[in-house]
Amino acid sequence: MQERNGVREVSFDEATEMLKGNGVKFVWLGREPLEYIVKLLEIEPTKAEMIPPRSLVEGNSEEIESLKGAIFACYHGNTSGVVVKSLKSRFGIESYSLKGGVTAVVGEIF
């Protein structure tokens, strides 16, 4: 894990290890169906969910609190970085961004 510009980033290997723990979620912020990303990254489907980034602004406190410790992923790591930073500054929620996004793991696929 490393911190860059106030964002805690994890590599794919670190994320995979973290997802083995109880309660850690993988949150996909992209447009492709979650089923596609879960299969592509070989993530246990029960550990993953898709959340449109805009809905995080409108989320209620219970929903936001459930994202504590979550690993956020997007295409290149930019959107997930903004989400992680926003959750920390607005709600005090610590979470992680997948470093470099999905393309850092599998290359350009979209």
PDB file of N, CA and C in Angstrom:
ATOM      1  N   MET A   1       0.848  -1.176   0.000  1.00  0.00           N
ATOM      2  CA  MET A   1       0.000   0.000   0.000  1.00  0.00           C
ATOM      3  C   MET A   1       0.889   1.234   0.000  1.00  0.00           C
ATOM      4  N   GLN A   2       0.449   2.231  -0.729  1.00  0.00           N
ATOM      5  CA  GLN A   2       1.153   3.508  -0.711  1.00  0.00           C
ATOM      6  C   GLN A   2       0.122   4.631  -0.735  1.00  0.00           C
ATOM      7  N   GLU A   3       0.542   5.785  -0.308  1.00  0.00           N
ATOM      8  CA  GLU A   3      -0.341   6.946  -0.339  1.00  0.00           C
ATOM      9  C   GLU A   3       0.220   7.946  -1.327  1.00  0.00           C
ATOM     10  N   ARG A   4      -0.670   8.414  -2.199  1.00  0.00           N
ATOM     11  CA  ARG A   4      -0.272   9.396  -3.210  1.00  0.00           C
ATOM     12  C   ARG A   4      -1.335  10.480  -3.249  1.00  0.00           C
ATOM     13  N   ASN A   5      -0.931  11.719  -3.005  1.00  0.00           N
ATOM     14  CA  ASN A   5      -1.856  12.852  -3.006  1.00  0.00           C
ATOM     15  C   ASN A   5      -3.043  12.642  -2.071  1.00  0.00           C
ATOM     16  N   GLY A   6      -2.795  12.049  -0.925  1.00  0.00           N
ATOM     17  CA  GLY A   6      -3.854  11.841   0.049  1.00  0.00           C
ATOM     18  C   GLY A   6      -4.766  10.663  -0.241  1.00  0.00           C
ATOM     19  N   VAL A   7      -4.383   9.832  -1.212  1.00  0.00           N
ATOM     20  CA  VAL A   7      -5.196   8.670  -1.587  1.00  0.00           C
ATOM     21  C   VAL A   7      -4.410   7.400  -1.278  1.00  0.00           C
ATOM     22  N   ARG A   8      -5.020   6.510  -0.518  1.00  0.00           N
ATOM     23  CA  ARG A   8      -4.386   5.224  -0.229  1.00  0.00           C
ATOM     24  C   ARG A   8      -4.619   4.300  -1.421  1.00  0.00           C
ATOM     25  N   GLU A   9      -3.521   3.870  -2.035  1.00  0.00           N
ATOM     26  CA  GLU A   9      -3.595   3.001  -3.208  1.00  0.00           C
ATOM     27  C   GLU A   9      -3.080   1.609  -2.872  1.00  0.00           C
ATOM     28  N   VAL A  10      -3.698   0.602  -3.483  1.00  0.00           N
ATOM     29  CA  VAL A  10      -3.234  -0.769  -3.322  1.00  0.00           C
ATOM     30  C   VAL A  10      -3.033  -1.381  -4.694  1.00  0.00           C
ATOM     31  N   SER A  11      -2.034  -2.235  -4.787  1.00  0.00           N
ATOM     32  CA  SER A  11      -1.802  -2.972  -6.022  1.00  0.00           C
ATOM     33  C   SER A  11      -2.863  -4.060  -6.149  1.00  0.00           C
ATOM     34  N   PHE A  12      -2.944  -4.675  -7.300  1.00  0.00           N
ATOM     35  CA  PHE A  12      -3.921  -5.747  -7.494  1.00  0.00           C
ATOM     36  C   PHE A  12      -3.628  -6.908  -6.553  1.00  0.00           C
ATOM     37  N   ASP A  13      -2.362  -7.253  -6.372  1.00  0.00           N
ATOM     38  CA  ASP A  13      -2.005  -8.345  -5.457  1.00  0.00           C
ATOM     39  C   ASP A  13      -2.416  -8.027  -4.021  1.00  0.00           C
ATOM     40  N   GLU A  14      -2.193  -6.791  -3.598  1.00  0.00           N
ATOM     41  CA  GLU A  14      -2.612  -6.378  -2.252  1.00  0.00           C
ATOM     42  C   GLU A  14      -4.134  -6.423  -2.136  1.00  0.00           C
ATOM     43  N   ALA A  15      -4.815  -5.962  -3.166  1.00  0.00           N
ATOM     44  CA  ALA A  15      -6.286  -5.981  -3.154  1.00  0.00           C
ATOM     45  C   ALA A  15      -6.809  -7.408  -3.056  1.00  0.00           C
ATOM     46  N   THR A  16      -6.206  -8.317  -3.797  1.00  0.00           N
ATOM     47  CA  THR A  16      -6.620  -9.719  -3.763  1.00  0.00           C
ATOM     48  C   THR A  16      -6.481 -10.289  -2.358  1.00  0.00           C
ATOM     49  N   GLU A  17      -5.377  -9.983  -1.701  1.00  0.00           N
ATOM     50  CA  GLU A  17      -5.179 -10.447  -0.319  1.00  0.00           C
ATOM     51  C   GLU A  17      -6.203  -9.828   0.622  1.00  0.00           C
ATOM     52  N   MET A  18      -6.447  -8.546   0.466  1.00  0.00           N
ATOM     53  CA  MET A  18      -7.402  -7.858   1.334  1.00  0.00           C
ATOM     54  C   MET A  18      -8.815  -8.420   1.165  1.00  0.00           C
ATOM     55  N   LEU A  19      -9.170  -8.790  -0.054  1.00  0.00           N
ATOM     56  CA  LEU A  19     -10.511  -9.301  -0.329  1.00  0.00           C
ATOM     57  C   LEU A  19     -10.752 -10.673   0.302  1.00  0.00           C
ATOM     58  N   LYS A  20      -9.688 -11.332   0.727  1.00  0.00           N
ATOM     59  CA  LYS A  20      -9.849 -12.611   1.425  1.00  0.00           C
ATOM     60  C   LYS A  20     -10.384 -12.398   2.836  1.00  0.00           C
ATOM     61  N   GLY A  21     -10.224 -11.173   3.352  1.00  0.00           N
ATOM     62  CA  GLY A  21     -10.708 -10.861   4.689  1.00  0.00           C
ATOM     63  C   GLY A  21     -12.215 -10.641   4.713  1.00  0.00           C
ATOM     64  N   ASN A  22     -12.775 -10.757   5.874  1.00  0.00           N
ATOM     65  CA  ASN A  22     -14.211 -10.541   6.031  1.00  0.00           C
ATOM     66  C   ASN A  22     -14.547  -9.061   5.948  1.00  0.00           C
ATOM     67  N   GLY A  23     -15.619  -8.763   5.259  1.00  0.00           N
ATOM     68  CA  GLY A  23     -16.130  -7.404   5.224  1.00  0.00           C
ATOM     69  C   GLY A  23     -15.485  -6.473   4.223  1.00  0.00           C
ATOM     70  N   VAL A  24     -14.430  -6.879   3.541  1.00  0.00           N
ATOM     71  CA  VAL A  24     -13.793  -6.013   2.557  1.00  0.00           C
ATOM     72  C   VAL A  24     -14.544  -6.146   1.231  1.00  0.00           C
ATOM     73  N   LYS A  25     -14.921  -5.007   0.667  1.00  0.00           N
ATOM     74  CA  LYS A  25     -15.668  -4.980  -0.585  1.00  0.00           C
ATOM     75  C   LYS A  25     -14.804  -4.464  -1.718  1.00  0.00           C
ATOM     76  N   PHE A  26     -15.109  -4.948  -2.914  1.00  0.00           N
ATOM     77  CA  PHE A  26     -14.537  -4.422  -4.149  1.00  0.00           C
ATOM     78  C   PHE A  26     -15.661  -3.638  -4.813  1.00  0.00           C
ATOM     79  N   VAL A  27     -15.433  -2.356  -5.071  1.00  0.00           N
ATOM     80  CA  VAL A  27     -16.473  -1.509  -5.652  1.00  0.00           C
ATOM     81  C   VAL A  27     -16.041  -1.042  -7.034  1.00  0.00           C
ATOM     82  N   TRP A  28     -16.792  -1.469  -8.036  1.00  0.00           N
ATOM     83  CA  TRP A  28     -16.535  -1.085  -9.428  1.00  0.00           C
ATOM     84  C   TRP A  28     -17.267   0.209  -9.728  1.00  0.00           C
ATOM     85  N   LEU A  29     -16.559   1.201 -10.272  1.00  0.00           N
ATOM     86  CA  LEU A  29     -17.118   2.511 -10.567  1.00  0.00           C
ATOM     87  C   LEU A  29     -17.310   2.756 -12.058  1.00  0.00           C
ATOM     88  N   GLY A  30     -17.043   1.753 -12.881  1.00  0.00           N
ATOM     89  CA  GLY A  30     -17.120   1.921 -14.327  1.00  0.00           C
ATOM     90  C   GLY A  30     -18.490   1.652 -14.902  1.00  0.00           C
ATOM     91  N   ARG A  31     -18.546   1.593 -16.239  1.00  0.00           N
ATOM     92  CA  ARG A  31     -19.805   1.388 -16.939  1.00  0.00           C
ATOM     93  C   ARG A  31     -20.047  -0.058 -17.350  1.00  0.00           C
ATOM     94  N   GLU A  32     -18.980  -0.828 -17.522  1.00  0.00           N
ATOM     95  CA  GLU A  32     -19.150  -2.220 -17.925  1.00  0.00           C
ATOM     96  C   GLU A  32     -19.875  -2.977 -16.829  1.00  0.00           C
ATOM     97  N   PRO A  33     -20.610  -4.017 -17.204  1.00  0.00           N
ATOM     98  CA  PRO A  33     -21.326  -4.809 -16.189  1.00  0.00           C
ATOM     99  C   PRO A  33     -20.370  -5.394 -15.148  1.00  0.00           C
ATOM    100  N   LEU A  34     -20.821  -5.393 -13.920  1.00  0.00           N
ATOM    101  CA  LEU A  34     -20.019  -5.919 -12.816  1.00  0.00           C
ATOM    102  C   LEU A  34     -19.595  -7.361 -13.072  1.00  0.00           C
ATOM    103  N   GLU A  35     -20.489  -8.158 -13.637  1.00  0.00           N
ATOM    104  CA  GLU A  35     -20.181  -9.567 -13.900  1.00  0.00           C
ATOM    105  C   GLU A  35     -18.938  -9.706 -14.783  1.00  0.00           C
ATOM    106  N   TYR A  36     -18.789  -8.809 -15.731  1.00  0.00           N
ATOM    107  CA  TYR A  36     -17.637  -8.825 -16.636  1.00  0.00           C
ATOM    108  C   TYR A  36     -16.347  -8.536 -15.864  1.00  0.00           C
ATOM    109  N   ILE A  37     -16.370  -7.527 -15.018  1.00  0.00           N
ATOM    110  CA  ILE A  37     -15.177  -7.132 -14.254  1.00  0.00           C
ATOM    111  C   ILE A  37     -14.807  -8.211 -13.242  1.00  0.00           C
ATOM    112  N   VAL A  38     -15.806  -8.773 -12.571  1.00  0.00           N
ATOM    113  CA  VAL A  38     -15.565  -9.835 -11.583  1.00  0.00           C
ATOM    114  C   VAL A  38     -14.889 -11.024 -12.249  1.00  0.00           C
ATOM    115  N   LYS A  39     -15.372 -11.398 -13.422  1.00  0.00           N
ATOM    116  CA  LYS A  39     -14.784 -12.525 -14.146  1.00  0.00           C
ATOM    117  C   LYS A  39     -13.373 -12.179 -14.629  1.00  0.00           C
ATOM    118  N   LEU A  40     -13.222 -10.993 -15.164  1.00  0.00           N
ATOM    119  CA  LEU A  40     -11.934 -10.548 -15.692  1.00  0.00           C
ATOM    120  C   LEU A  40     -10.849 -10.538 -14.620  1.00  0.00           C
ATOM    121  N   LEU A  41     -11.197 -10.058 -13.427  1.00  0.00           N
ATOM    122  CA  LEU A  41     -10.224  -9.941 -12.341  1.00  0.00           C
ATOM    123  C   LEU A  41     -10.231 -11.134 -11.392  1.00  0.00           C
ATOM    124  N   GLU A  42     -11.121 -12.091 -11.659  1.00  0.00           N
ATOM    125  CA  GLU A  42     -11.244 -13.293 -10.833  1.00  0.00           C
ATOM    126  C   GLU A  42     -11.502 -12.935  -9.368  1.00  0.00           C
ATOM    127  N   ILE A  43     -12.514 -12.113  -9.165  1.00  0.00           N
ATOM    128  CA  ILE A  43     -12.929 -11.685  -7.826  1.00  0.00           C
ATOM    129  C   ILE A  43     -14.196 -12.440  -7.460  1.00  0.00           C
ATOM    130  N   GLU A  44     -14.292 -12.845  -6.210  1.00  0.00           N
ATOM    131  CA  GLU A  44     -15.487 -13.529  -5.729  1.00  0.00           C
ATOM    132  C   GLU A  44     -16.685 -12.576  -5.866  1.00  0.00           C
ATOM    133  N   PRO A  45     -17.722 -12.980  -6.624  1.00  0.00           N
ATOM    134  CA  PRO A  45     -18.859 -12.096  -6.874  1.00  0.00           C
ATOM    135  C   PRO A  45     -19.542 -11.553  -5.615  1.00  0.00           C
ATOM    136  N   THR A  46     -19.541 -12.325  -4.547  1.00  0.00           N
ATOM    137  CA  THR A  46     -20.202 -11.860  -3.322  1.00  0.00           C
ATOM    138  C   THR A  46     -19.439 -10.724  -2.643  1.00  0.00           C
ATOM    139  N   LYS A  47     -18.198 -10.508  -3.045  1.00  0.00           N
ATOM    140  CA  LYS A  47     -17.370  -9.454  -2.454  1.00  0.00           C
ATOM    141  C   LYS A  47     -17.413  -8.161  -3.278  1.00  0.00           C
ATOM    142  N   ALA A  48     -18.133  -8.185  -4.406  1.00  0.00           N
ATOM    143  CA  ALA A  48     -18.097  -7.057  -5.329  1.00  0.00           C
ATOM    144  C   ALA A  48     -19.468  -6.415  -5.512  1.00  0.00           C
ATOM    145  N   GLU A  49     -19.427  -5.118  -5.783  1.00  0.00           N
ATOM    146  CA  GLU A  49     -20.644  -4.401  -6.132  1.00  0.00           C
ATOM    147  C   GLU A  49     -20.283  -3.251  -7.069  1.00  0.00           C
ATOM    148  N   MET A  50     -21.283  -2.805  -7.794  1.00  0.00           N
ATOM    149  CA  MET A  50     -21.099  -1.689  -8.720  1.00  0.00           C
ATOM    150  C   MET A  50     -21.860  -0.492  -8.161  1.00  0.00           C
ATOM    151  N   ILE A  51     -21.176   0.631  -8.073  1.00  0.00           N
ATOM    152  CA  ILE A  51     -21.810   1.858  -7.588  1.00  0.00           C
ATOM    153  C   ILE A  51     -21.436   2.985  -8.547  1.00  0.00           C
ATOM    154  N   PRO A  52     -22.440   3.643  -9.112  1.00  0.00           N
ATOM    155  CA  PRO A  52     -22.111   4.826  -9.934  1.00  0.00           C
ATOM    156  C   PRO A  52     -21.515   5.907  -9.025  1.00  0.00           C
ATOM    157  N   PRO A  53     -20.406   6.524  -9.429  1.00  0.00           N
ATOM    158  CA  PRO A  53     -19.748   7.512  -8.566  1.00  0.00           C
ATOM    159  C   PRO A  53     -20.679   8.623  -8.079  1.00  0.00           C
ATOM    160  N   ARG A  54     -21.591   9.070  -8.918  1.00  0.00           N
ATOM    161  CA  ARG A  54     -22.499  10.155  -8.520  1.00  0.00           C
ATOM    162  C   ARG A  54     -23.395   9.754  -7.355  1.00  0.00           C
ATOM    163  N   SER A  55     -23.743   8.480  -7.268  1.00  0.00           N
ATOM    164  CA  SER A  55     -24.644   8.051  -6.196  1.00  0.00           C
ATOM    165  C   SER A  55     -23.973   8.121  -4.822  1.00  0.00           C
ATOM    166  N   LEU A  56     -22.653   8.157  -4.805  1.00  0.00           N
ATOM    167  CA  LEU A  56     -21.944   8.270  -3.526  1.00  0.00           C
ATOM    168  C   LEU A  56     -22.181   9.626  -2.879  1.00  0.00           C
ATOM    169  N   VAL A  57     -22.454  10.620  -3.689  1.00  0.00           N
ATOM    170  CA  VAL A  57     -22.744  11.951  -3.170  1.00  0.00           C
ATOM    171  C   VAL A  57     -24.112  11.954  -2.489  1.00  0.00           C
ATOM    172  N   GLU A  58     -25.033  11.162  -3.032  1.00  0.00           N
ATOM    173  CA  GLU A  58     -26.407  11.147  -2.526  1.00  0.00           C
ATOM    174  C   GLU A  58     -26.656  10.037  -1.506  1.00  0.00           C
ATOM    175  N   GLY A  59     -25.670   9.185  -1.254  1.00  0.00           N
ATOM    176  CA  GLY A  59     -25.858   8.042  -0.367  1.00  0.00           C
ATOM    177  C   GLY A  59     -26.186   8.435   1.057  1.00  0.00           C
ATOM    178  N   ASN A  60     -26.955   7.579   1.722  1.00  0.00           N
ATOM    179  CA  ASN A  60     -27.257   7.850   3.127  1.00  0.00           C
ATOM    180  C   ASN A  60     -26.082   7.388   3.988  1.00  0.00           C
ATOM    181  N   SER A  61     -26.099   7.767   5.251  1.00  0.00           N
ATOM    182  CA  SER A  61     -24.952   7.505   6.123  1.00  0.00           C
ATOM    183  C   SER A  61     -24.677   6.012   6.304  1.00  0.00           C
ATOM    184  N   GLU A  62     -25.716   5.174   6.319  1.00  0.00           N
ATOM    185  CA  GLU A  62     -25.504   3.722   6.447  1.00  0.00           C
ATOM    186  C   GLU A  62     -24.781   3.169   5.235  1.00  0.00           C
ATOM    187  N   GLU A  63     -25.214   3.597   4.054  1.00  0.00           N
ATOM    188  CA  GLU A  63     -24.570   3.139   2.823  1.00  0.00           C
ATOM    189  C   GLU A  63     -23.118   3.581   2.777  1.00  0.00           C
ATOM    190  N   ILE A  64     -22.877   4.823   3.128  1.00  0.00           N
ATOM    191  CA  ILE A  64     -21.517   5.364   3.107  1.00  0.00           C
ATOM    192  C   ILE A  64     -20.650   4.642   4.136  1.00  0.00           C
ATOM    193  N   GLU A  65     -21.162   4.424   5.319  1.00  0.00           N
ATOM    194  CA  GLU A  65     -20.410   3.743   6.381  1.00  0.00           C
ATOM    195  C   GLU A  65     -20.022   2.325   5.960  1.00  0.00           C
ATOM    196  N   SER A  66     -20.874   1.669   5.168  1.00  0.00           N
ATOM    197  CA  SER A  66     -20.580   0.298   4.734  1.00  0.00           C
ATOM    198  C   SER A  66     -19.397   0.235   3.768  1.00  0.00           C
ATOM    199  N   LEU A  67     -18.934   1.378   3.286  1.00  0.00           N
ATOM    200  CA  LEU A  67     -17.816   1.428   2.348  1.00  0.00           C
ATOM    201  C   LEU A  67     -16.461   1.582   3.039  1.00  0.00           C
ATOM    202  N   LYS A  68     -16.485   1.610   4.369  1.00  0.00           N
ATOM    203  CA  LYS A  68     -15.229   1.711   5.122  1.00  0.00           C
ATOM    204  C   LYS A  68     -14.335   0.524   4.770  1.00  0.00           C
ATOM    205  N   GLY A  69     -13.106   0.811   4.350  1.00  0.00           N
ATOM    206  CA  GLY A  69     -12.149  -0.232   4.004  1.00  0.00           C
ATOM    207  C   GLY A  69     -12.340  -0.828   2.628  1.00  0.00           C
ATOM    208  N   ALA A  70     -13.298  -0.320   1.853  1.00  0.00           N
ATOM    209  CA  ALA A  70     -13.559  -0.865   0.510  1.00  0.00           C
ATOM    210  C   ALA A  70     -12.420  -0.525  -0.445  1.00  0.00           C
ATOM    211  N   ILE A  71     -12.303  -1.343  -1.469  1.00  0.00           N
ATOM    212  CA  ILE A  71     -11.336  -1.115  -2.538  1.00  0.00           C
ATOM    213  C   ILE A  71     -12.123  -0.650  -3.754  1.00  0.00           C
ATOM    214  N   PHE A  72     -11.867   0.575  -4.184  1.00  0.00           N
ATOM    215  CA  PHE A  72     -12.567   1.144  -5.325  1.00  0.00           C
ATOM    216  C   PHE A  72     -11.722   0.982  -6.579  1.00  0.00           C
ATOM    217  N   ALA A  73     -12.386   0.694  -7.695  1.00  0.00           N
ATOM    218  CA  ALA A  73     -11.673   0.525  -8.957  1.00  0.00           C
ATOM    219  C   ALA A  73     -12.443   1.168 -10.092  1.00  0.00           C
ATOM    220  N   CYS A  74     -11.695   1.732 -11.009  1.00  0.00           N
ATOM    221  CA  CYS A  74     -12.251   2.296 -12.228  1.00  0.00           C
ATOM    222  C   CYS A  74     -11.303   1.883 -13.356  1.00  0.00           C
ATOM    223  N   TYR A  75     -11.314   2.586 -14.445  1.00  0.00           N
ATOM    224  CA  TYR A  75     -10.490   2.198 -15.588  1.00  0.00           C
ATOM    225  C   TYR A  75      -9.001   2.462 -15.384  1.00  0.00           C
ATOM    226  N   HIS A  76      -8.650   3.670 -14.928  1.00  0.00           N
ATOM    227  CA  HIS A  76      -7.235   4.047 -14.806  1.00  0.00           C
ATOM    228  C   HIS A  76      -6.821   4.472 -13.407  1.00  0.00           C
ATOM    229  N   GLY A  77      -7.743   4.467 -12.455  1.00  0.00           N
ATOM    230  CA  GLY A  77      -7.425   4.839 -11.087  1.00  0.00           C
ATOM    231  C   GLY A  77      -7.717   6.283 -10.737  1.00  0.00           C
ATOM    232  N   ASN A  78      -8.144   7.067 -11.719  1.00  0.00           N
ATOM    233  CA  ASN A  78      -8.409   8.480 -11.451  1.00  0.00           C
ATOM    234  C   ASN A  78      -9.725   8.686 -10.699  1.00  0.00           C
ATOM    235  N   THR A  79     -10.807   8.133 -11.211  1.00  0.00           N
ATOM    236  CA  THR A  79     -12.107   8.282 -10.554  1.00  0.00           C
ATOM    237  C   THR A  79     -12.092   7.644  -9.182  1.00  0.00           C
ATOM    238  N   SER A  80     -11.508   6.460  -9.076  1.00  0.00           N
ATOM    239  CA  SER A  80     -11.465   5.805  -7.769  1.00  0.00           C
ATOM    240  C   SER A  80     -10.645   6.620  -6.785  1.00  0.00           C
ATOM    241  N   GLY A  81      -9.603   7.276  -7.248  1.00  0.00           N
ATOM    242  CA  GLY A  81      -8.810   8.144  -6.376  1.00  0.00           C
ATOM    243  C   GLY A  81      -9.621   9.320  -5.854  1.00  0.00           C
ATOM    244  N   VAL A  82     -10.413   9.924  -6.731  1.00  0.00           N
ATOM    245  CA  VAL A  82     -11.263  11.045  -6.326  1.00  0.00           C
ATOM    246  C   VAL A  82     -12.309  10.571  -5.319  1.00  0.00           C
ATOM    247  N   VAL A  83     -12.899   9.403  -5.557  1.00  0.00           N
ATOM    248  CA  VAL A  83     -13.904   8.862  -4.641  1.00  0.00           C
ATOM    249  C   VAL A  83     -13.290   8.599  -3.273  1.00  0.00           C
ATOM    250  N   VAL A  84     -12.138   7.958  -3.235  1.00  0.00           N
ATOM    251  CA  VAL A  84     -11.469   7.648  -1.968  1.00  0.00           C
ATOM    252  C   VAL A  84     -11.146   8.937  -1.201  1.00  0.00           C
ATOM    253  N   LYS A  85     -10.628   9.918  -1.914  1.00  0.00           N
ATOM    254  CA  LYS A  85     -10.285  11.195  -1.275  1.00  0.00           C
ATOM    255  C   LYS A  85     -11.548  11.894  -0.758  1.00  0.00           C
ATOM    256  N   SER A  86     -12.613  11.848  -1.537  1.00  0.00           N
ATOM    257  CA  SER A  86     -13.872  12.486  -1.149  1.00  0.00           C
ATOM    258  C   SER A  86     -14.496  11.808   0.068  1.00  0.00           C
ATOM    259  N   LEU A  87     -14.504  10.479   0.082  1.00  0.00           N
ATOM    260  CA  LEU A  87     -15.058   9.756   1.230  1.00  0.00           C
ATOM    261  C   LEU A  87     -14.298  10.101   2.510  1.00  0.00           C
ATOM    262  N   LYS A  88     -12.990  10.256   2.384  1.00  0.00           N
ATOM    263  CA  LYS A  88     -12.158  10.594   3.541  1.00  0.00           C
ATOM    264  C   LYS A  88     -12.448  12.013   4.020  1.00  0.00           C
ATOM    265  N   SER A  89     -12.470  12.962   3.098  1.00  0.00           N
ATOM    266  CA  SER A  89     -12.642  14.360   3.504  1.00  0.00           C
ATOM    267  C   SER A  89     -14.068  14.686   3.927  1.00  0.00           C
ATOM    268  N   ARG A  90     -15.045  14.110   3.272  1.00  0.00           N
ATOM    269  CA  ARG A  90     -16.444  14.446   3.582  1.00  0.00           C
ATOM    270  C   ARG A  90     -17.028  13.643   4.728  1.00  0.00           C
ATOM    271  N   PHE A  91     -16.634  12.353   4.821  1.00  0.00           N
ATOM    272  CA  PHE A  91     -17.275  11.471   5.787  1.00  0.00           C
ATOM    273  C   PHE A  91     -16.317  10.808   6.776  1.00  0.00           C
ATOM    274  N   GLY A  92     -15.005  11.018   6.586  1.00  0.00           N
ATOM    275  CA  GLY A  92     -14.027  10.382   7.456  1.00  0.00           C
ATOM    276  C   GLY A  92     -13.875   8.885   7.202  1.00  0.00           C
ATOM    277  N   ILE A  93     -14.294   8.425   6.032  1.00  0.00           N
ATOM    278  CA  ILE A  93     -14.250   7.004   5.678  1.00  0.00           C
ATOM    279  C   ILE A  93     -12.927   6.691   4.990  1.00  0.00           C
ATOM    280  N   GLU A  94     -12.158   5.788   5.573  1.00  0.00           N
ATOM    281  CA  GLU A  94     -10.904   5.332   4.974  1.00  0.00           C
ATOM    282  C   GLU A  94     -11.220   4.202   3.993  1.00  0.00           C
ATOM    283  N   SER A  95     -10.701   4.309   2.797  1.00  0.00           N
ATOM    284  CA  SER A  95     -10.885   3.275   1.785  1.00  0.00           C
ATOM    285  C   SER A  95      -9.657   3.289   0.876  1.00  0.00           C
ATOM    286  N   TYR A  96      -9.679   2.494  -0.167  1.00  0.00           N
ATOM    287  CA  TYR A  96      -8.514   2.313  -1.034  1.00  0.00           C
ATOM    288  C   TYR A  96      -8.891   2.451  -2.499  1.00  0.00           C
ATOM    289  N   SER A  97      -7.921   2.853  -3.288  1.00  0.00           N
ATOM    290  CA  SER A  97      -8.066   2.925  -4.738  1.00  0.00           C
ATOM    291  C   SER A  97      -7.154   1.868  -5.359  1.00  0.00           C
ATOM    292  N   LEU A  98      -7.683   1.132  -6.337  1.00  0.00           N
ATOM    293  CA  LEU A  98      -6.853   0.158  -7.049  1.00  0.00           C
ATOM    294  C   LEU A  98      -5.869   0.932  -7.916  1.00  0.00           C
ATOM    295  N   LYS A  99      -4.593   0.808  -7.612  1.00  0.00           N
ATOM    296  CA  LYS A  99      -3.546   1.580  -8.283  1.00  0.00           C
ATOM    297  C   LYS A  99      -3.546   1.323  -9.788  1.00  0.00           C
ATOM    298  N   GLY A 100      -3.734   2.378 -10.554  1.00  0.00           N
ATOM    299  CA  GLY A 100      -3.720   2.274 -12.009  1.00  0.00           C
ATOM    300  C   GLY A 100      -5.003   1.727 -12.604  1.00  0.00           C
ATOM    301  N   GLY A 101      -5.955   1.398 -11.764  1.00  0.00           N
ATOM    302  CA  GLY A 101      -7.246   0.886 -12.252  1.00  0.00           C
ATOM    303  C   GLY A 101      -7.140  -0.477 -12.907  1.00  0.00           C
ATOM    304  N   VAL A 102      -8.225  -0.854 -13.535  1.00  0.00           N
ATOM    305  CA  VAL A 102      -8.306  -2.168 -14.176  1.00  0.00           C
ATOM    306  C   VAL A 102      -7.289  -2.295 -15.302  1.00  0.00           C
ATOM    307  N   THR A 103      -7.013  -1.214 -16.012  1.00  0.00           N
ATOM    308  CA  THR A 103      -6.068  -1.299 -17.129  1.00  0.00           C
ATOM    309  C   THR A 103      -4.650  -1.611 -16.657  1.00  0.00           C
ATOM    310  N   ALA A 104      -4.310  -1.252 -15.430  1.00  0.00           N
ATOM    311  CA  ALA A 104      -2.989  -1.605 -14.890  1.00  0.00           C
ATOM    312  C   ALA A 104      -2.884  -3.104 -14.640  1.00  0.00           C
ATOM    313  N   VAL A 105      -4.024  -3.742 -14.446  1.00  0.00           N
ATOM    314  CA  VAL A 105      -4.042  -5.180 -14.166  1.00  0.00           C
ATOM    315  C   VAL A 105      -4.056  -5.990 -15.463  1.00  0.00           C
ATOM    316  N   VAL A 106      -4.926  -5.600 -16.390  1.00  0.00           N
ATOM    317  CA  VAL A 106      -5.116  -6.424 -17.593  1.00  0.00           C
ATOM    318  C   VAL A 106      -4.784  -5.721 -18.894  1.00  0.00           C
ATOM    319  N   GLY A 107      -4.413  -4.456 -18.843  1.00  0.00           N
ATOM    320  CA  GLY A 107      -4.132  -3.699 -20.053  1.00  0.00           C
ATOM    321  C   GLY A 107      -5.389  -3.065 -20.608  1.00  0.00           C
ATOM    322  N   GLU A 108      -5.233  -2.359 -21.711  1.00  0.00           N
ATOM    323  CA  GLU A 108      -6.379  -1.691 -22.340  1.00  0.00           C
ATOM    324  C   GLU A 108      -7.304  -2.734 -22.940  1.00  0.00           C
ATOM    325  N   ILE A 109      -8.514  -2.797 -22.435  1.00  0.00           N
ATOM    326  CA  ILE A 109      -9.459  -3.793 -22.947  1.00  0.00           C
ATOM    327  C   ILE A 109     -10.771  -3.179 -23.415  1.00  0.00           C
ATOM    328  N   PHE A 110     -10.974  -1.918 -23.133  1.00  0.00           N
ATOM    329  CA  PHE A 110     -12.254  -1.296 -23.469  1.00  0.00           C
ATOM    330  C   PHE A 110     -12.116  -0.427 -24.688  1.00  0.00           C
TER     331      PHE A 110
END
